[in-house]
Amino acid sequence: MADSSFYCPLSHEGVLAVRGVDASKFLQGQLTCNLDYLSEAKATLGARCTQKGRMQSSFRIVLEGDGVLLAMASELVEPQLLDLKKYAVFSKSKLTDESAAWVRFGLNDADAVLTNLGLALADDTDAVARANDLIAIRVSPARAELWVRAEQAADVQARLAAQLKEGSLNDWLLGQIRAGIGQVFAQTREEFIPQMINLQAVGGVSFKKGCYTGQEIVARMQYLGKLKRRQYHLSLTGDDVPAPGTELFSPVHGSAVGNVVVAARAGSNIEMLAVLTADAVEDGNIHLGAPDGAALQLGELPYTLDAKLETQR
């Protein structure tokens, strides 16, 4: 079903809101993405890092009303909210958990349905369309998120159900994996720097905006460092979907050579994004969960890692 038209509720994520006259100014010093890039017609991916450049969360951020909304793994909303509030005490901004105020749907190959809702969404990734208090965001080719206020959700879902099959969250995550978009979950919090999940390749890191928490480490890795681990697309035959953070092994090392970022079923196979060491990838003998675990096959990502292209935003 992941290659057909469907919709599904994005039940795995919550919404953190930062509102007020200083919202964008405050977040510009906290996040990897460039808040100046945002507009009524543009959203972006991003992350929040520790001082050591390790991601505490990753998210999709969009302007809304008097501030911005960040969609991230549900279990990360509360800890990010508490931590960000420490730095917002001298800022004219208010941080709240708006997860209950919004219902979000993933739409696959369903632009005609968006049009019927009055949303003319451009094909460009990160494009935003707005109408009737609805927000649509292009997240990758043929895939879009639909953000709906909670009081409208039942009506909108009924309209979606009249035109589309309801898919599963697995179907949606499979599309995300094939788009090469990694994500931080509770199990991988502070595990990766942004380049390890190729966040810079999908517009989630700005190298032109100036300082933010963890910026020195992230920039140094981009321009001076040699990245020893990065994200790859892998698959295996099986039914059990490994959780984020599950370790991967290779004979080239006595210990783990990487971790699962996100995984989903694909028929009789499992597909995943995982962060791996370069030497393990070169050796090509990678196993899930243990040195003698299920063998993994390397696949392709839909983008090229090019530092010149990654510094433009």
Protein backbone atom coordinates (compact mmCIF):
# COMPACT_ATOMS: atom_id res chain seq x y z
CA MET A 1 0.00 0.00 0.00
CA ALA A 2 2.94 2.34 0.55
CA ASP A 3 3.09 3.01 -3.22
CA SER A 4 -0.64 3.73 -3.61
CA SER A 5 -2.93 6.59 -2.65
CA PHE A 6 -3.79 6.64 1.06
CA TYR A 7 -4.04 8.76 4.17
CA CYS A 8 -3.13 7.94 7.74
CA PRO A 9 -3.16 9.76 11.09
CA LEU A 10 0.34 10.71 12.23
CA SER A 11 -0.24 9.40 15.73
CA HIS A 12 3.47 9.01 16.56
CA GLU A 13 4.18 12.74 16.71
CA GLY A 14 3.18 15.69 18.85
CA VAL A 15 3.30 19.46 18.35
CA LEU A 16 5.39 21.94 20.32
CA ALA A 17 4.36 25.58 19.86
CA VAL A 18 6.54 28.66 20.34
CA ARG A 19 4.50 31.85 20.09
CA GLY A 20 5.06 35.54 20.68
CA VAL A 21 6.94 38.47 19.14
CA ASP A 22 10.34 36.93 19.91
CA ALA A 23 9.50 33.36 18.86
CA SER A 24 11.62 33.26 15.69
CA LYS A 25 14.44 35.32 17.19
CA PHE A 26 14.62 33.02 20.21
CA LEU A 27 14.58 29.83 18.15
CA GLN A 28 17.17 31.12 15.68
CA GLY A 29 19.76 30.68 18.44
CA GLN A 30 18.48 27.23 19.42
CA LEU A 31 17.84 25.27 16.20
CA THR A 32 19.92 24.00 13.28
CA CYS A 33 17.52 25.36 10.65
CA ASN A 34 17.26 28.95 9.45
CA LEU A 35 14.08 30.58 10.72
CA ASP A 36 14.47 33.30 8.07
CA TYR A 37 13.76 30.61 5.46
CA LEU A 38 10.25 30.09 6.82
CA SER A 39 7.32 31.88 5.22
CA GLU A 40 3.62 31.38 4.69
CA ALA A 41 4.64 29.23 1.70
CA LYS A 42 7.69 27.41 3.15
CA ALA A 43 8.35 24.98 6.01
CA THR A 44 11.57 23.14 6.84
CA LEU A 45 13.11 20.27 8.74
CA GLY A 46 15.42 21.01 11.65
CA ALA A 47 16.91 19.77 14.89
CA ARG A 48 17.86 20.96 18.34
CA CYS A 49 21.31 19.95 19.55
CA THR A 50 23.28 19.82 22.76
CA GLN A 51 26.43 21.93 23.11
CA LYS A 52 28.29 18.89 21.77
CA GLY A 53 26.20 18.86 18.60
CA ARG A 54 24.12 15.79 19.51
CA MET A 55 20.47 15.98 18.48
CA GLN A 56 17.93 16.14 21.29
CA SER A 57 15.10 16.23 18.76
CA SER A 58 14.39 16.54 15.07
CA PHE A 59 11.22 18.08 13.68
CA ARG A 60 9.31 19.77 10.89
CA ILE A 61 8.68 23.45 11.63
CA VAL A 62 6.03 25.73 10.11
CA LEU A 63 4.81 29.27 10.75
CA GLU A 64 1.36 29.48 12.34
CA GLY A 65 -0.40 32.52 13.77
CA ASP A 66 1.89 34.48 16.08
CA GLY A 67 4.66 31.88 16.14
CA VAL A 68 5.76 28.47 14.93
CA LEU A 69 4.79 24.83 15.36
CA LEU A 70 7.29 21.98 15.59
CA ALA A 71 6.13 18.42 14.90
CA MET A 72 8.38 15.82 16.55
CA ALA A 73 8.22 12.37 18.10
CA SER A 74 5.55 12.57 20.83
CA GLU A 75 7.84 11.38 23.60
CA LEU A 76 10.26 14.24 22.93
CA VAL A 77 7.77 17.12 23.21
CA GLU A 78 7.73 17.36 27.00
CA PRO A 79 11.51 17.15 27.58
CA GLN A 80 12.16 19.65 24.78
CA LEU A 81 9.52 21.97 26.19
CA LEU A 82 11.04 21.89 29.66
CA ASP A 83 14.56 22.42 28.39
CA LEU A 84 13.71 25.24 25.97
CA LYS A 85 11.81 27.10 28.69
CA LYS A 86 15.06 27.49 30.62
CA TYR A 87 16.45 29.60 27.78
CA ALA A 88 13.26 31.53 27.02
CA VAL A 89 12.93 33.33 30.37
CA PHE A 90 14.17 36.66 28.95
CA SER A 91 12.36 36.24 25.64
CA LYS A 92 8.88 37.50 24.74
CA SER A 93 7.78 34.05 23.68
CA LYS A 94 5.51 31.39 25.14
CA LEU A 95 6.21 27.67 24.80
CA THR A 96 3.39 25.14 25.07
CA ASP A 97 2.47 21.60 24.11
CA GLU A 98 -0.22 21.96 21.41
CA SER A 99 -0.39 18.26 20.57
CA ALA A 100 -4.05 18.11 21.59
CA ALA A 101 -4.90 21.16 19.49
CA TRP A 102 -3.82 19.62 16.20
CA VAL A 103 -4.54 16.41 14.28
CA ARG A 104 -2.08 15.65 11.48
CA PHE A 105 -2.51 13.29 8.55
CA GLY A 106 0.01 11.87 6.12
CA LEU A 107 -1.21 11.81 2.51
CA ASN A 108 0.46 9.68 -0.14
CA ASP A 109 -0.21 10.37 -3.82
CA ALA A 110 -3.30 12.38 -2.92
CA ASP A 111 -2.88 15.87 -4.39
CA ALA A 112 -6.34 15.72 -5.92
CA VAL A 113 -7.80 15.32 -2.45
CA LEU A 114 -5.87 18.36 -1.23
CA THR A 115 -7.24 20.32 -4.18
CA ASN A 116 -10.77 19.31 -3.17
CA LEU A 117 -10.01 20.78 0.26
CA GLY A 118 -9.00 24.06 -1.36
CA LEU A 119 -5.25 23.45 -0.98
CA ALA A 120 -3.14 24.02 -4.09
CA LEU A 121 0.14 22.52 -2.89
CA ALA A 122 3.24 23.02 -5.05
CA ASP A 123 5.45 20.06 -5.92
CA ASP A 124 8.57 21.53 -4.30
CA THR A 125 9.64 19.89 -1.05
CA ASP A 126 8.86 22.17 1.94
CA ALA A 127 6.11 23.98 0.02
CA VAL A 128 3.15 25.05 2.18
CA ALA A 129 -0.47 25.69 1.18
CA ARG A 130 -3.14 27.15 3.47
CA ALA A 131 -6.92 27.40 3.22
CA ASN A 132 -9.87 27.22 5.61
CA ASP A 133 -7.57 26.91 8.66
CA LEU A 134 -5.89 23.87 7.07
CA ILE A 135 -2.16 23.60 6.44
CA ALA A 136 -0.62 21.28 3.85
CA ILE A 137 3.15 20.71 3.64
CA ARG A 138 5.02 18.90 0.87
CA VAL A 139 7.44 16.56 2.65
CA SER A 140 8.82 14.68 -0.38
CA PRO A 141 7.61 13.92 -3.92
CA ALA A 142 3.96 12.77 -3.87
CA ARG A 143 3.86 12.91 -0.04
CA ALA A 144 2.26 15.64 2.07
CA GLU A 145 1.25 16.35 5.64
CA LEU A 146 -2.16 17.85 6.38
CA TRP A 147 -2.40 19.81 9.65
CA VAL A 148 -5.93 20.20 10.99
CA ARG A 149 -7.23 21.94 14.09
CA ALA A 150 -8.71 19.42 16.50
CA GLU A 151 -12.23 20.81 16.23
CA GLN A 152 -12.18 20.24 12.45
CA ALA A 153 -10.49 16.86 12.53
CA ALA A 154 -13.56 14.58 12.45
CA ASP A 155 -15.04 16.38 9.46
CA VAL A 156 -11.76 16.46 7.55
CA GLN A 157 -11.04 12.81 8.26
CA ALA A 158 -14.50 11.88 6.97
CA ARG A 159 -13.75 13.77 3.75
CA LEU A 160 -10.41 12.01 3.43
CA ALA A 161 -11.99 8.61 4.06
CA ALA A 162 -14.59 9.24 1.34
CA GLN A 163 -11.81 9.60 -1.25
CA LEU A 164 -8.86 7.54 0.02
CA LYS A 165 -7.97 4.26 1.65
CA GLU A 166 -6.73 4.57 5.21
CA GLY A 167 -3.18 3.33 5.37
CA SER A 168 -1.14 2.43 8.40
CA LEU A 169 1.58 4.41 10.09
CA ASN A 170 3.94 1.72 8.79
CA ASP A 171 2.96 2.69 5.23
CA TRP A 172 3.78 6.32 5.94
CA LEU A 173 7.11 5.55 7.61
CA LEU A 174 8.08 3.36 4.67
CA GLY A 175 7.66 6.37 2.40
CA GLN A 176 9.77 8.44 4.79
CA ILE A 177 12.50 5.80 4.72
CA ARG A 178 12.50 5.72 0.93
CA ALA A 179 12.76 9.52 0.92
CA GLY A 180 15.88 9.18 3.10
CA ILE A 181 14.52 11.34 5.92
CA GLY A 182 15.85 10.27 9.30
CA GLN A 183 14.28 11.19 12.62
CA VAL A 184 15.19 11.30 16.31
CA PHE A 185 13.13 9.18 18.70
CA ALA A 186 13.48 8.71 22.45
CA GLN A 187 15.79 5.72 21.95
CA THR A 188 18.21 7.77 19.82
CA ARG A 189 18.08 11.08 21.66
CA GLU A 190 21.60 12.59 21.80
CA GLU A 191 22.94 9.67 19.75
CA PHE A 192 23.61 11.45 16.44
CA ILE A 193 24.94 14.75 15.17
CA PRO A 194 22.80 16.13 12.30
CA GLN A 195 25.13 15.00 9.49
CA MET A 196 24.95 11.41 10.74
CA ILE A 197 21.30 11.22 9.63
CA ASN A 198 21.99 13.34 6.51
CA LEU A 199 19.86 16.17 7.89
CA GLN A 200 21.98 18.69 5.99
CA ALA A 201 21.08 16.93 2.72
CA VAL A 202 17.34 17.46 3.22
CA GLY A 203 17.48 21.13 4.22
CA GLY A 204 17.46 20.74 8.00
CA VAL A 205 20.79 22.48 8.72
CA SER A 206 21.85 26.01 7.82
CA PHE A 207 25.55 26.82 7.56
CA LYS A 208 24.90 30.52 6.88
CA LYS A 209 22.61 31.66 9.71
CA GLY A 210 25.17 32.12 12.48
CA CYS A 211 25.38 30.75 15.99
CA TYR A 212 23.02 28.28 17.64
CA THR A 213 23.44 25.65 20.32
CA GLY A 214 25.88 23.04 19.03
CA GLN A 215 26.70 25.08 15.90
CA GLU A 216 30.48 24.98 16.39
CA ILE A 217 30.56 21.17 16.36
CA VAL A 218 28.14 20.86 13.44
CA ALA A 219 30.02 23.43 11.33
CA ARG A 220 33.42 21.96 12.14
CA MET A 221 32.22 18.54 11.02
CA GLN A 222 30.96 20.00 7.75
CA TYR A 223 34.10 21.92 6.84
CA LEU A 224 37.00 20.38 8.75
CA GLY A 225 36.00 16.99 10.10
CA LYS A 226 35.77 13.56 8.58
CA LEU A 227 32.40 11.99 9.26
CA LYS A 228 32.95 8.42 10.41
CA ARG A 229 29.28 7.49 10.51
CA ARG A 230 26.33 8.45 8.33
CA GLN A 231 22.88 7.27 7.36
CA TYR A 232 22.23 4.52 4.81
CA HIS A 233 19.18 2.73 3.40
CA LEU A 234 19.15 -1.00 4.20
CA SER A 235 16.78 -3.95 3.95
CA LEU A 236 16.40 -7.53 5.13
CA THR A 237 13.94 -10.38 4.85
CA GLY A 238 11.76 -10.69 7.94
CA ASP A 239 8.64 -9.66 9.83
CA ASP A 240 9.85 -8.08 13.06
CA VAL A 241 10.45 -4.35 12.70
CA PRO A 242 13.49 -3.31 14.75
CA ALA A 243 13.07 -0.37 17.10
CA PRO A 244 15.05 2.85 16.67
CA GLY A 245 18.43 2.50 18.33
CA THR A 246 18.75 -1.26 17.67
CA GLU A 247 22.45 -2.00 17.22
CA LEU A 248 24.02 -3.27 13.99
CA PHE A 249 27.16 -5.39 13.81
CA SER A 250 29.92 -6.30 11.37
CA PRO A 251 32.97 -8.61 11.51
CA VAL A 252 35.22 -5.56 10.93
CA HIS A 253 34.56 -4.55 14.55
CA GLY A 254 34.20 -6.39 17.81
CA SER A 255 31.43 -4.00 18.88
CA ALA A 256 28.40 -2.37 17.28
CA VAL A 257 29.00 -0.44 14.04
CA GLY A 258 25.74 1.49 13.98
CA ASN A 259 22.13 1.92 15.01
CA VAL A 260 18.70 1.78 13.40
CA VAL A 261 17.19 5.24 12.85
CA VAL A 262 13.71 4.20 11.66
CA ALA A 263 12.33 0.98 10.14
CA ALA A 264 9.12 -0.29 8.52
CA ARG A 265 7.69 -3.38 6.82
CA ALA A 266 7.75 -3.58 3.02
CA GLY A 267 5.86 -6.73 2.05
CA SER A 268 7.96 -9.68 3.15
CA ASN A 269 10.94 -7.42 3.83
CA ILE A 270 11.96 -4.78 6.33
CA GLU A 271 13.40 -1.49 5.11
CA MET A 272 15.25 0.92 7.35
CA LEU A 273 17.47 3.92 7.65
CA ALA A 274 20.49 3.28 9.85
CA VAL A 275 23.66 5.10 10.84
CA LEU A 276 26.75 3.01 10.07
CA THR A 277 30.52 3.36 10.11
CA ALA A 278 32.16 3.81 6.71
CA ASP A 279 34.39 0.74 7.06
CA ALA A 280 31.40 -1.49 7.86
CA VAL A 281 29.64 -0.25 4.76
CA GLU A 282 32.74 -0.86 2.65
CA ASP A 283 32.98 -4.41 4.01
CA GLY A 284 29.26 -4.92 3.31
CA ASN A 285 28.77 -7.64 5.92
CA ILE A 286 26.22 -6.05 8.27
CA HIS A 287 23.93 -7.83 10.72
CA LEU A 288 20.95 -6.79 12.82
CA GLY A 289 21.05 -7.02 16.61
CA ALA A 290 24.06 -9.32 16.96
CA PRO A 291 27.17 -10.40 15.00
CA ASP A 292 25.23 -13.49 13.85
CA GLY A 293 21.91 -11.67 13.38
CA ALA A 294 19.93 -11.30 10.16
CA ALA A 295 22.02 -10.06 7.23
CA LEU A 296 21.28 -6.61 5.84
CA GLN A 297 21.53 -5.44 2.23
CA LEU A 298 22.57 -1.91 1.33
CA GLY A 299 20.19 0.14 -0.81
CA GLU A 300 20.16 3.57 -2.43
CA LEU A 301 19.20 6.99 -1.11
CA PRO A 302 17.26 9.43 -3.33
CA TYR A 303 19.75 12.27 -2.92
CA THR A 304 23.45 12.95 -3.33
CA LEU A 305 25.53 14.19 -0.44
CA ASP A 306 27.12 17.36 -1.80
CA ALA A 307 28.62 19.90 0.62
CA LYS A 308 28.30 22.73 -1.91
CA LEU A 309 24.54 22.24 -2.15
CA GLU A 310 24.18 21.80 1.61
CA THR A 311 25.41 25.29 2.50
CA GLN A 312 22.89 27.38 0.56
CA ARG A 313 19.96 27.75 2.98
